[in-house]
N, C-alpha and C. Protein backbone atom coordinates (compact mmCIF):
# COMPACT_ATOMS: atom_id res chain seq x y z
N MET A 1 0.85 -1.19 0.00
CA MET A 1 0.00 0.00 0.00
C MET A 1 0.89 1.25 0.00
N CYS A 2 0.60 2.18 -0.86
CA CYS A 2 1.43 3.38 -0.95
C CYS A 2 1.30 4.22 0.31
N LYS A 3 2.38 4.93 0.64
CA LYS A 3 2.41 5.78 1.82
C LYS A 3 2.32 7.24 1.38
N LEU A 4 1.23 7.88 1.73
CA LEU A 4 1.00 9.26 1.31
C LEU A 4 1.48 10.21 2.41
N ASP A 5 2.34 11.13 2.03
CA ASP A 5 2.84 12.13 2.96
C ASP A 5 2.05 13.42 2.74
N PHE A 6 1.12 13.71 3.67
CA PHE A 6 0.27 14.88 3.54
C PHE A 6 0.85 16.11 4.24
N HIS A 7 2.07 15.99 4.73
CA HIS A 7 2.67 17.13 5.43
C HIS A 7 2.82 18.31 4.48
N PHE A 8 2.41 19.48 4.94
CA PHE A 8 2.50 20.69 4.12
C PHE A 8 3.82 21.37 4.44
N TYR A 9 4.81 21.16 3.57
CA TYR A 9 6.15 21.69 3.80
C TYR A 9 6.23 23.18 3.46
N LYS A 10 7.25 23.83 4.03
CA LYS A 10 7.46 25.24 3.74
C LYS A 10 7.69 25.47 2.25
N SER A 11 8.32 24.49 1.61
CA SER A 11 8.58 24.61 0.18
C SER A 11 7.27 24.66 -0.61
N SER A 12 6.25 23.94 -0.14
CA SER A 12 4.95 23.98 -0.81
C SER A 12 4.31 25.35 -0.67
N LEU A 13 4.43 25.93 0.53
CA LEU A 13 3.91 27.28 0.74
C LEU A 13 4.65 28.28 -0.14
N SER A 14 5.96 28.10 -0.26
CA SER A 14 6.76 28.98 -1.11
C SER A 14 6.32 28.90 -2.57
N ILE A 15 5.96 27.69 -3.02
CA ILE A 15 5.50 27.51 -4.39
C ILE A 15 4.20 28.27 -4.62
N ILE A 16 3.28 28.19 -3.67
CA ILE A 16 2.00 28.90 -3.80
C ILE A 16 2.22 30.40 -3.84
N ILE A 17 3.06 30.91 -2.94
CA ILE A 17 3.36 32.34 -2.92
C ILE A 17 4.02 32.76 -4.23
N LEU A 18 4.95 31.95 -4.72
CA LEU A 18 5.61 32.25 -5.99
C LEU A 18 4.60 32.30 -7.13
N GLY A 19 3.66 31.35 -7.15
CA GLY A 19 2.64 31.34 -8.19
C GLY A 19 1.79 32.60 -8.18
N ILE A 20 1.42 33.06 -6.98
CA ILE A 20 0.62 34.28 -6.87
C ILE A 20 1.42 35.49 -7.35
N ILE A 21 2.69 35.55 -6.95
CA ILE A 21 3.54 36.67 -7.36
C ILE A 21 3.72 36.68 -8.88
N LEU A 22 3.95 35.51 -9.46
CA LEU A 22 4.12 35.44 -10.92
C LEU A 22 2.85 35.84 -11.65
N TYR A 23 1.70 35.47 -11.09
CA TYR A 23 0.42 35.86 -11.70
C TYR A 23 0.28 37.37 -11.71
N ILE A 24 0.62 38.01 -10.59
CA ILE A 24 0.45 39.47 -10.47
C ILE A 24 1.42 40.20 -11.38
N ILE A 25 2.69 39.86 -11.28
CA ILE A 25 3.67 40.61 -12.08
C ILE A 25 3.54 40.28 -13.56
N GLY A 26 3.07 39.06 -13.87
CA GLY A 26 2.88 38.69 -15.27
C GLY A 26 1.76 39.46 -15.94
N ASN A 27 0.72 39.75 -15.17
CA ASN A 27 -0.43 40.47 -15.72
C ASN A 27 -0.28 41.99 -15.70
N PHE A 28 0.55 42.50 -14.78
CA PHE A 28 0.55 43.94 -14.59
C PHE A 28 1.91 44.63 -14.69
N PHE A 29 3.00 43.90 -14.56
CA PHE A 29 4.28 44.60 -14.42
C PHE A 29 5.35 44.18 -15.44
N ILE A 30 5.40 42.93 -15.82
CA ILE A 30 6.49 42.49 -16.70
C ILE A 30 6.24 42.97 -18.13
N PRO A 31 7.18 43.71 -18.72
CA PRO A 31 7.01 44.15 -20.12
C PRO A 31 7.20 42.97 -21.07
N LEU A 32 6.51 43.02 -22.20
CA LEU A 32 6.55 41.91 -23.16
C LEU A 32 7.72 42.00 -24.13
N TYR A 33 8.11 43.21 -24.49
CA TYR A 33 9.19 43.42 -25.45
C TYR A 33 8.98 42.60 -26.73
N ASN A 34 7.77 42.66 -27.27
CA ASN A 34 7.43 41.97 -28.52
C ASN A 34 7.75 40.47 -28.50
N GLY A 35 7.49 39.83 -27.36
CA GLY A 35 7.69 38.38 -27.25
C GLY A 35 9.05 37.97 -26.74
N LEU A 36 9.98 38.93 -26.59
CA LEU A 36 11.32 38.60 -26.11
C LEU A 36 11.28 38.05 -24.69
N THR A 37 10.41 38.59 -23.86
CA THR A 37 10.30 38.14 -22.46
C THR A 37 9.88 36.68 -22.40
N VAL A 38 8.89 36.31 -23.21
CA VAL A 38 8.42 34.93 -23.24
C VAL A 38 9.53 33.99 -23.69
N THR A 39 10.26 34.40 -24.72
CA THR A 39 11.37 33.58 -25.23
C THR A 39 12.43 33.39 -24.16
N LEU A 40 12.74 34.46 -23.43
CA LEU A 40 13.75 34.38 -22.37
C LEU A 40 13.32 33.41 -21.28
N ILE A 41 12.05 33.48 -20.88
CA ILE A 41 11.54 32.58 -19.84
C ILE A 41 11.60 31.13 -20.33
N GLU A 42 11.25 30.91 -21.58
CA GLU A 42 11.32 29.55 -22.15
C GLU A 42 12.73 29.01 -22.10
N HIS A 43 13.72 29.85 -22.42
CA HIS A 43 15.11 29.41 -22.41
C HIS A 43 15.59 29.12 -20.99
N VAL A 44 15.15 29.92 -20.03
CA VAL A 44 15.51 29.68 -18.64
C VAL A 44 14.92 28.35 -18.17
N GLN A 45 13.68 28.08 -18.55
CA GLN A 45 13.07 26.80 -18.21
C GLN A 45 13.84 25.64 -18.83
N SER A 46 14.25 25.80 -20.07
CA SER A 46 15.00 24.74 -20.75
C SER A 46 16.33 24.49 -20.05
N LEU A 47 17.01 25.56 -19.63
CA LEU A 47 18.26 25.41 -18.90
C LEU A 47 18.04 24.69 -17.57
N PHE A 48 16.92 25.00 -16.92
CA PHE A 48 16.60 24.33 -15.66
C PHE A 48 16.39 22.84 -15.88
N LEU A 49 15.67 22.49 -16.93
CA LEU A 49 15.43 21.08 -17.23
C LEU A 49 16.72 20.36 -17.59
N LEU A 50 17.60 21.06 -18.31
CA LEU A 50 18.89 20.47 -18.63
C LEU A 50 19.72 20.28 -17.36
N PHE A 51 19.61 21.24 -16.45
CA PHE A 51 20.29 21.10 -15.15
C PHE A 51 19.78 19.88 -14.40
N MET A 52 18.46 19.65 -14.42
CA MET A 52 17.89 18.50 -13.72
C MET A 52 18.36 17.20 -14.35
N CYS A 53 18.56 17.19 -15.66
CA CYS A 53 19.14 16.00 -16.31
C CYS A 53 20.53 15.72 -15.75
N CYS A 54 21.35 16.75 -15.69
CA CYS A 54 22.72 16.59 -15.21
C CYS A 54 22.75 16.23 -13.73
N TYR A 55 21.91 16.92 -12.96
CA TYR A 55 21.89 16.65 -11.52
C TYR A 55 21.43 15.22 -11.23
N THR A 56 20.41 14.78 -11.93
CA THR A 56 19.90 13.43 -11.72
C THR A 56 20.95 12.39 -12.11
N TYR A 57 21.70 12.66 -13.16
CA TYR A 57 22.78 11.75 -13.54
C TYR A 57 23.85 11.72 -12.45
N TYR A 58 24.16 12.88 -11.90
CA TYR A 58 25.13 12.95 -10.79
C TYR A 58 24.64 12.11 -9.62
N TYR A 59 23.36 12.22 -9.29
CA TYR A 59 22.82 11.43 -8.19
C TYR A 59 22.83 9.94 -8.53
N ALA A 60 22.48 9.60 -9.75
CA ALA A 60 22.46 8.20 -10.16
C ALA A 60 23.84 7.56 -9.98
N LYS A 61 24.89 8.32 -10.26
CA LYS A 61 26.24 7.80 -10.09
C LYS A 61 26.53 7.50 -8.62
N ARG A 62 25.89 8.25 -7.73
CA ARG A 62 26.11 8.04 -6.29
C ARG A 62 25.51 6.72 -5.82
N VAL A 63 24.47 6.25 -6.52
CA VAL A 63 23.83 4.99 -6.12
C VAL A 63 24.09 3.90 -7.16
N ALA A 64 25.19 4.05 -7.90
CA ALA A 64 25.48 3.12 -9.00
C ALA A 64 25.64 1.68 -8.54
N LYS A 65 26.07 1.49 -7.28
CA LYS A 65 26.27 0.12 -6.80
C LYS A 65 24.94 -0.58 -6.52
N HIS A 66 23.86 0.19 -6.47
CA HIS A 66 22.53 -0.38 -6.34
C HIS A 66 21.90 -0.37 -7.73
N SER A 67 21.95 -1.48 -8.41
CA SER A 67 21.62 -1.55 -9.83
C SER A 67 20.23 -1.02 -10.15
N GLU A 68 19.22 -1.44 -9.40
CA GLU A 68 17.85 -1.05 -9.73
C GLU A 68 17.62 0.43 -9.45
N LEU A 69 18.24 0.95 -8.39
CA LEU A 69 18.12 2.38 -8.12
C LEU A 69 18.78 3.18 -9.23
N TYR A 70 19.95 2.74 -9.63
CA TYR A 70 20.69 3.43 -10.70
C TYR A 70 19.87 3.46 -11.99
N LYS A 71 19.31 2.34 -12.37
CA LYS A 71 18.53 2.28 -13.61
C LYS A 71 17.26 3.12 -13.52
N PHE A 72 16.67 3.17 -12.33
CA PHE A 72 15.46 3.99 -12.16
C PHE A 72 15.77 5.46 -12.39
N TRP A 73 16.89 5.93 -11.83
CA TRP A 73 17.21 7.36 -11.98
C TRP A 73 17.68 7.68 -13.40
N ILE A 74 18.31 6.74 -14.06
CA ILE A 74 18.61 6.95 -15.47
C ILE A 74 17.32 7.08 -16.27
N TRP A 75 16.33 6.28 -15.90
CA TRP A 75 15.01 6.36 -16.54
C TRP A 75 14.39 7.73 -16.34
N THR A 76 14.52 8.30 -15.12
CA THR A 76 13.95 9.63 -14.87
C THR A 76 14.66 10.70 -15.69
N ILE A 77 15.93 10.47 -16.01
CA ILE A 77 16.64 11.43 -16.87
C ILE A 77 15.96 11.50 -18.23
N PHE A 78 15.49 10.36 -18.72
CA PHE A 78 14.77 10.36 -20.00
C PHE A 78 13.56 11.29 -19.95
N TRP A 79 12.86 11.28 -18.80
CA TRP A 79 11.69 12.15 -18.65
C TRP A 79 12.09 13.62 -18.61
N TRP A 80 13.13 13.93 -17.85
CA TRP A 80 13.60 15.32 -17.81
C TRP A 80 14.04 15.77 -19.21
N PHE A 81 14.72 14.88 -19.92
CA PHE A 81 15.19 15.26 -21.26
C PHE A 81 14.03 15.42 -22.23
N MET A 82 12.96 14.63 -22.05
CA MET A 82 11.79 14.78 -22.89
C MET A 82 11.15 16.14 -22.67
N LEU A 83 11.07 16.56 -21.40
CA LEU A 83 10.53 17.88 -21.10
C LEU A 83 11.42 18.98 -21.67
N PHE A 84 12.72 18.75 -21.60
CA PHE A 84 13.66 19.70 -22.20
C PHE A 84 13.44 19.80 -23.71
N GLY A 85 13.31 18.64 -24.35
CA GLY A 85 13.09 18.63 -25.80
C GLY A 85 11.81 19.33 -26.19
N ARG A 86 10.75 19.08 -25.41
CA ARG A 86 9.49 19.76 -25.69
C ARG A 86 9.63 21.27 -25.51
N GLY A 87 10.41 21.67 -24.49
CA GLY A 87 10.58 23.10 -24.21
C GLY A 87 11.25 23.85 -25.34
N ILE A 88 12.11 23.18 -26.09
CA ILE A 88 12.78 23.84 -27.22
C ILE A 88 12.17 23.40 -28.54
N SER A 89 10.95 22.85 -28.45
CA SER A 89 10.23 22.39 -29.65
C SER A 89 11.06 21.39 -30.43
N TRP A 90 11.76 20.54 -29.69
CA TRP A 90 12.58 19.47 -30.27
C TRP A 90 13.73 20.00 -31.13
N GLY A 91 14.08 21.27 -30.92
CA GLY A 91 15.19 21.89 -31.65
C GLY A 91 14.74 22.88 -32.69
N ARG A 92 13.43 22.93 -32.94
CA ARG A 92 12.91 23.82 -33.99
C ARG A 92 13.10 25.28 -33.62
N ASP A 93 13.18 25.59 -32.30
CA ASP A 93 13.37 26.98 -31.90
C ASP A 93 14.70 27.54 -32.40
N PHE A 94 15.69 26.66 -32.58
CA PHE A 94 17.03 27.11 -32.97
C PHE A 94 17.30 26.93 -34.46
N PHE A 95 16.58 25.97 -35.07
CA PHE A 95 16.77 25.72 -36.51
C PHE A 95 15.41 25.66 -37.21
N PRO A 96 14.72 26.80 -37.28
CA PRO A 96 13.36 26.81 -37.85
C PRO A 96 13.30 26.48 -39.33
N GLU A 97 14.43 26.59 -40.03
CA GLU A 97 14.42 26.35 -41.47
C GLU A 97 14.38 24.85 -41.81
N VAL A 98 14.68 23.99 -40.83
CA VAL A 98 14.66 22.54 -41.07
C VAL A 98 13.21 22.08 -41.19
N PRO A 99 12.88 21.23 -42.16
CA PRO A 99 11.50 20.75 -42.33
C PRO A 99 10.95 20.11 -41.05
N ARG A 100 9.67 20.36 -40.77
CA ARG A 100 9.03 19.87 -39.55
C ARG A 100 9.05 18.35 -39.47
N PHE A 101 9.12 17.67 -40.61
CA PHE A 101 9.12 16.21 -40.62
C PHE A 101 10.24 15.64 -39.76
N TYR A 102 11.43 16.26 -39.84
CA TYR A 102 12.57 15.76 -39.09
C TYR A 102 12.38 15.95 -37.59
N TYR A 103 11.72 17.04 -37.23
CA TYR A 103 11.48 17.27 -35.80
C TYR A 103 10.45 16.29 -35.24
N LYS A 104 9.53 15.85 -36.09
CA LYS A 104 8.58 14.84 -35.65
C LYS A 104 9.30 13.52 -35.35
N ILE A 105 10.30 13.21 -36.16
CA ILE A 105 11.10 11.99 -35.92
C ILE A 105 11.86 12.12 -34.61
N ILE A 106 12.49 13.29 -34.40
CA ILE A 106 13.25 13.53 -33.17
C ILE A 106 12.33 13.43 -31.96
N ALA A 107 11.16 14.06 -32.06
CA ALA A 107 10.20 14.02 -30.95
C ALA A 107 9.77 12.60 -30.66
N GLY A 108 9.51 11.82 -31.71
CA GLY A 108 9.08 10.44 -31.52
C GLY A 108 10.11 9.61 -30.79
N ILE A 109 11.39 9.81 -31.15
CA ILE A 109 12.46 9.04 -30.51
C ILE A 109 12.61 9.42 -29.04
N ILE A 110 12.64 10.73 -28.78
CA ILE A 110 12.84 11.20 -27.41
C ILE A 110 11.67 10.80 -26.51
N MET A 111 10.44 10.85 -27.04
CA MET A 111 9.28 10.47 -26.25
C MET A 111 9.20 8.96 -26.04
N ALA A 112 9.72 8.21 -27.01
CA ALA A 112 9.66 6.75 -26.91
C ALA A 112 10.57 6.21 -25.82
N LEU A 113 11.70 6.89 -25.58
CA LEU A 113 12.68 6.39 -24.60
C LEU A 113 12.07 6.17 -23.22
N PRO A 114 11.46 7.19 -22.59
CA PRO A 114 10.90 6.95 -21.25
C PRO A 114 9.66 6.09 -21.26
N ILE A 115 8.86 6.17 -22.33
CA ILE A 115 7.60 5.44 -22.36
C ILE A 115 7.82 3.94 -22.51
N PHE A 116 8.63 3.56 -23.49
CA PHE A 116 8.84 2.13 -23.75
C PHE A 116 9.76 1.48 -22.72
N SER A 117 10.63 2.28 -22.09
CA SER A 117 11.50 1.70 -21.08
C SER A 117 10.75 1.31 -19.81
N ILE A 118 9.50 1.78 -19.68
CA ILE A 118 8.67 1.35 -18.56
C ILE A 118 8.48 -0.17 -18.59
N PHE A 119 8.51 -0.75 -19.78
CA PHE A 119 8.26 -2.18 -19.91
C PHE A 119 9.48 -3.03 -19.55
N LEU A 120 10.60 -2.39 -19.27
CA LEU A 120 11.76 -3.14 -18.80
C LEU A 120 11.47 -3.69 -17.40
N PRO A 121 11.74 -4.98 -17.15
CA PRO A 121 11.42 -5.58 -15.85
C PRO A 121 12.01 -4.82 -14.66
N THR A 122 13.26 -4.37 -14.80
CA THR A 122 13.92 -3.65 -13.70
C THR A 122 13.17 -2.37 -13.35
N ILE A 123 12.79 -1.62 -14.36
CA ILE A 123 12.07 -0.36 -14.13
C ILE A 123 10.70 -0.64 -13.51
N ARG A 124 10.00 -1.63 -14.02
CA ARG A 124 8.68 -1.96 -13.48
C ARG A 124 8.76 -2.36 -12.02
N ARG A 125 9.74 -3.19 -11.68
CA ARG A 125 9.89 -3.62 -10.30
C ARG A 125 10.17 -2.44 -9.37
N GLU A 126 11.02 -1.53 -9.82
CA GLU A 126 11.37 -0.40 -8.98
C GLU A 126 10.18 0.56 -8.82
N ILE A 127 9.39 0.74 -9.87
CA ILE A 127 8.20 1.58 -9.77
C ILE A 127 7.21 0.98 -8.78
N VAL A 128 6.99 -0.33 -8.89
CA VAL A 128 6.07 -1.02 -7.97
C VAL A 128 6.58 -0.93 -6.54
N ARG A 129 7.87 -1.13 -6.35
CA ARG A 129 8.45 -1.06 -5.00
C ARG A 129 8.26 0.32 -4.39
N ARG A 130 8.52 1.34 -5.19
CA ARG A 130 8.37 2.71 -4.68
C ARG A 130 6.91 3.00 -4.37
N TYR A 131 6.00 2.52 -5.20
CA TYR A 131 4.58 2.75 -4.95
C TYR A 131 4.14 2.09 -3.64
N LYS A 132 4.68 0.93 -3.36
CA LYS A 132 4.25 0.18 -2.18
C LYS A 132 4.92 0.64 -0.89
N PHE A 133 6.19 1.04 -0.99
CA PHE A 133 6.96 1.25 0.25
C PHE A 133 7.50 2.66 0.44
N GLU A 134 7.61 3.45 -0.61
CA GLU A 134 8.18 4.78 -0.47
C GLU A 134 7.08 5.82 -0.23
N LYS A 135 7.43 6.88 0.49
CA LYS A 135 6.48 7.96 0.75
C LYS A 135 6.26 8.80 -0.51
N ILE A 136 5.05 9.26 -0.67
CA ILE A 136 4.69 10.10 -1.82
C ILE A 136 4.29 11.48 -1.30
N PRO A 137 5.01 12.55 -1.71
CA PRO A 137 4.69 13.90 -1.23
C PRO A 137 3.44 14.45 -1.93
N VAL A 138 2.32 14.33 -1.28
CA VAL A 138 1.04 14.65 -1.91
C VAL A 138 0.97 16.10 -2.36
N TRP A 139 1.41 17.03 -1.51
CA TRP A 139 1.26 18.45 -1.86
C TRP A 139 2.17 18.85 -3.02
N HIS A 140 3.37 18.30 -3.07
CA HIS A 140 4.26 18.61 -4.20
C HIS A 140 3.61 18.18 -5.52
N ILE A 141 3.06 16.97 -5.52
CA ILE A 141 2.46 16.43 -6.74
C ILE A 141 1.17 17.18 -7.08
N PHE A 142 0.36 17.47 -6.05
CA PHE A 142 -0.89 18.20 -6.28
C PHE A 142 -0.61 19.57 -6.89
N LEU A 143 0.36 20.29 -6.34
CA LEU A 143 0.67 21.63 -6.85
C LEU A 143 1.26 21.57 -8.25
N ALA A 144 2.01 20.51 -8.55
CA ALA A 144 2.56 20.36 -9.90
C ALA A 144 1.42 20.25 -10.91
N PHE A 145 0.43 19.41 -10.61
CA PHE A 145 -0.71 19.25 -11.51
C PHE A 145 -1.57 20.51 -11.53
N LEU A 146 -1.69 21.17 -10.39
CA LEU A 146 -2.50 22.39 -10.32
C LEU A 146 -1.95 23.46 -11.25
N PHE A 147 -0.65 23.73 -11.15
CA PHE A 147 -0.07 24.79 -11.98
C PHE A 147 0.04 24.37 -13.44
N LEU A 148 0.19 23.07 -13.68
CA LEU A 148 0.15 22.59 -15.07
C LEU A 148 -1.24 22.85 -15.65
N GLY A 149 -2.27 22.60 -14.86
CA GLY A 149 -3.64 22.86 -15.31
C GLY A 149 -3.89 24.33 -15.55
N ILE A 150 -3.36 25.18 -14.66
CA ILE A 150 -3.51 26.63 -14.82
C ILE A 150 -2.83 27.09 -16.11
N ALA A 151 -1.62 26.58 -16.36
CA ALA A 151 -0.91 26.94 -17.59
C ALA A 151 -1.69 26.49 -18.82
N ASP A 152 -2.30 25.32 -18.74
CA ASP A 152 -3.09 24.80 -19.86
C ASP A 152 -4.33 25.66 -20.10
N ILE A 153 -4.96 26.11 -19.02
CA ILE A 153 -6.13 26.99 -19.14
C ILE A 153 -5.74 28.28 -19.85
N ALA A 154 -4.59 28.84 -19.45
CA ALA A 154 -4.14 30.08 -20.06
C ALA A 154 -3.79 29.88 -21.53
N GLU A 155 -3.14 28.77 -21.85
CA GLU A 155 -2.69 28.52 -23.22
C GLU A 155 -3.85 28.29 -24.17
N HIS A 156 -4.80 27.45 -23.76
CA HIS A 156 -5.89 27.04 -24.65
C HIS A 156 -7.20 27.79 -24.40
N ARG A 157 -7.13 28.82 -23.54
CA ARG A 157 -8.29 29.67 -23.27
C ARG A 157 -9.50 28.82 -22.85
N ARG A 158 -9.28 27.95 -21.89
CA ARG A 158 -10.38 27.13 -21.38
C ARG A 158 -11.20 27.94 -20.39
N ILE A 159 -12.21 27.29 -19.81
CA ILE A 159 -13.10 27.97 -18.88
C ILE A 159 -12.30 28.58 -17.73
N GLY A 160 -12.52 29.87 -17.50
CA GLY A 160 -11.83 30.58 -16.43
C GLY A 160 -10.59 31.32 -16.87
N HIS A 161 -10.26 31.24 -18.17
CA HIS A 161 -9.03 31.88 -18.62
C HIS A 161 -9.07 33.39 -18.45
N GLU A 162 -10.28 33.97 -18.49
CA GLU A 162 -10.38 35.42 -18.36
C GLU A 162 -9.97 35.90 -16.97
N LEU A 163 -9.98 34.99 -15.99
CA LEU A 163 -9.52 35.34 -14.65
C LEU A 163 -8.00 35.23 -14.53
N LEU A 164 -7.40 34.48 -15.43
CA LEU A 164 -5.95 34.27 -15.39
C LEU A 164 -5.21 35.27 -16.26
N VAL A 165 -5.78 35.55 -17.43
CA VAL A 165 -5.11 36.44 -18.39
C VAL A 165 -5.94 37.71 -18.52
N ILE A 166 -5.41 38.80 -17.96
CA ILE A 166 -6.16 40.06 -17.96
C ILE A 166 -6.28 40.65 -19.36
N THR A 167 -5.19 40.59 -20.12
CA THR A 167 -5.21 41.07 -21.50
C THR A 167 -4.73 39.95 -22.42
N ARG A 168 -5.35 39.85 -23.59
CA ARG A 168 -5.10 38.74 -24.51
C ARG A 168 -3.63 38.62 -24.90
N ASP A 169 -2.93 39.74 -25.04
CA ASP A 169 -1.54 39.68 -25.51
C ASP A 169 -0.58 39.10 -24.46
N ARG A 170 -1.08 38.86 -23.24
CA ARG A 170 -0.24 38.30 -22.19
C ARG A 170 -0.48 36.80 -21.99
N LYS A 171 -1.24 36.20 -22.89
CA LYS A 171 -1.58 34.79 -22.76
C LYS A 171 -0.33 33.91 -22.69
N ASP A 172 0.59 34.07 -23.63
CA ASP A 172 1.79 33.24 -23.66
C ASP A 172 2.67 33.48 -22.44
N LEU A 173 2.73 34.73 -21.99
CA LEU A 173 3.55 35.04 -20.82
C LEU A 173 3.02 34.35 -19.57
N ILE A 174 1.71 34.43 -19.35
CA ILE A 174 1.10 33.79 -18.18
C ILE A 174 1.28 32.28 -18.24
N GLU A 175 1.13 31.72 -19.43
CA GLU A 175 1.33 30.27 -19.58
C GLU A 175 2.73 29.86 -19.13
N GLU A 176 3.75 30.57 -19.63
CA GLU A 176 5.12 30.23 -19.29
C GLU A 176 5.41 30.46 -17.82
N LEU A 177 4.87 31.54 -17.26
CA LEU A 177 5.11 31.82 -15.84
C LEU A 177 4.47 30.77 -14.95
N MET A 178 3.30 30.27 -15.31
CA MET A 178 2.62 29.26 -14.50
C MET A 178 3.28 27.89 -14.61
N GLU A 179 4.08 27.71 -15.65
CA GLU A 179 4.82 26.45 -15.77
C GLU A 179 6.01 26.41 -14.82
N ILE A 180 6.47 27.56 -14.37
CA ILE A 180 7.63 27.61 -13.47
C ILE A 180 7.35 26.90 -12.15
N PRO A 181 6.24 27.21 -11.43
CA PRO A 181 5.95 26.46 -10.20
C PRO A 181 5.77 24.98 -10.43
N CYS A 182 5.20 24.62 -11.58
CA CYS A 182 5.01 23.20 -11.92
C CYS A 182 6.36 22.49 -11.99
N LEU A 183 7.31 23.07 -12.71
CA LEU A 183 8.63 22.45 -12.85
C LEU A 183 9.35 22.39 -11.50
N LEU A 184 9.19 23.43 -10.70
CA LEU A 184 9.82 23.44 -9.38
C LEU A 184 9.24 22.34 -8.50
N CYS A 185 7.94 22.10 -8.60
CA CYS A 185 7.30 21.03 -7.82
C CYS A 185 7.83 19.66 -8.25
N LEU A 186 8.04 19.48 -9.54
CA LEU A 186 8.62 18.22 -10.02
C LEU A 186 10.03 18.03 -9.46
N ALA A 187 10.80 19.13 -9.43
CA ALA A 187 12.14 19.05 -8.87
C ALA A 187 12.09 18.75 -7.37
N LEU A 188 11.17 19.40 -6.66
CA LEU A 188 11.04 19.15 -5.22
C LEU A 188 10.66 17.70 -4.94
N THR A 189 9.81 17.14 -5.79
CA THR A 189 9.43 15.73 -5.64
C THR A 189 10.65 14.84 -5.84
N THR A 190 11.48 15.18 -6.83
CA THR A 190 12.71 14.42 -7.06
C THR A 190 13.63 14.49 -5.86
N PHE A 191 13.84 15.71 -5.33
CA PHE A 191 14.72 15.88 -4.17
C PHE A 191 14.17 15.13 -2.96
N TYR A 192 12.86 15.15 -2.79
CA TYR A 192 12.20 14.46 -1.68
C TYR A 192 12.47 12.95 -1.76
N MET A 193 12.30 12.40 -2.94
CA MET A 193 12.53 10.96 -3.14
C MET A 193 13.99 10.60 -2.89
N GLN A 194 14.89 11.44 -3.37
CA GLN A 194 16.31 11.15 -3.21
C GLN A 194 16.74 11.26 -1.75
N LYS A 195 16.19 12.23 -1.03
CA LYS A 195 16.53 12.39 0.38
C LYS A 195 16.10 11.15 1.18
N ASN A 196 14.86 10.70 0.98
CA ASN A 196 14.38 9.51 1.68
C ASN A 196 15.17 8.28 1.28
N GLU A 197 15.52 8.22 0.01
CA GLU A 197 16.28 7.07 -0.49
C GLU A 197 17.67 7.01 0.14
N GLN A 198 18.31 8.16 0.26
CA GLN A 198 19.63 8.21 0.85
C GLN A 198 19.60 7.78 2.32
N GLU A 199 18.56 8.19 3.05
CA GLU A 199 18.42 7.78 4.43
C GLU A 199 18.27 6.27 4.54
N ARG A 200 17.51 5.69 3.62
CA ARG A 200 17.31 4.24 3.65
C ARG A 200 18.59 3.50 3.26
N VAL A 201 19.26 3.99 2.23
CA VAL A 201 20.49 3.33 1.78
C VAL A 201 21.58 3.41 2.84
N ASN A 202 21.70 4.55 3.48
CA ASN A 202 22.75 4.74 4.48
C ASN A 202 22.50 3.92 5.74
N SER A 203 21.21 3.65 6.02
CA SER A 203 20.90 2.86 7.22
C SER A 203 21.03 1.37 6.95
């Protein structure tokens, strides 16, 4: 049976406060500079995701003597890299003149790595073990989905978007800003899992 950790950490409160601040400054204070601001935020997000790839690999090397743990964290790198690839439109942001067909191939390969590797016995066993015995930070995961949903509402103008985006020209900016707390929550979940794992391994 999975162990749900409902403790409301200070980091969760910080994420909520950050989300509110980003909403306010995104709607009223941050200049757009003809889309340059949005592009800059996208690049910062991509750098953060690339950092998480490198950091996770660094952590995986620390638990390399535990084969299943090592393979699990290598698998999570695939997910971080997929998010990174999506953030840069699979490379199209830097080479827009290349036909879209090639980027579809790149996207397919990068997305296939984490999805199909789930069927590896080692990965499946480790996922099941973590589900049964490891703690799950409920608030980190809830806030990640919450801000992902808010970003989706802003991007696709779903019900309630008029409360999120004060002026139409700020739609893309609000979407990117709301993705920041989501990514931070994913990182916090990763750090939470690694901290508990290190305590267990060391004991």
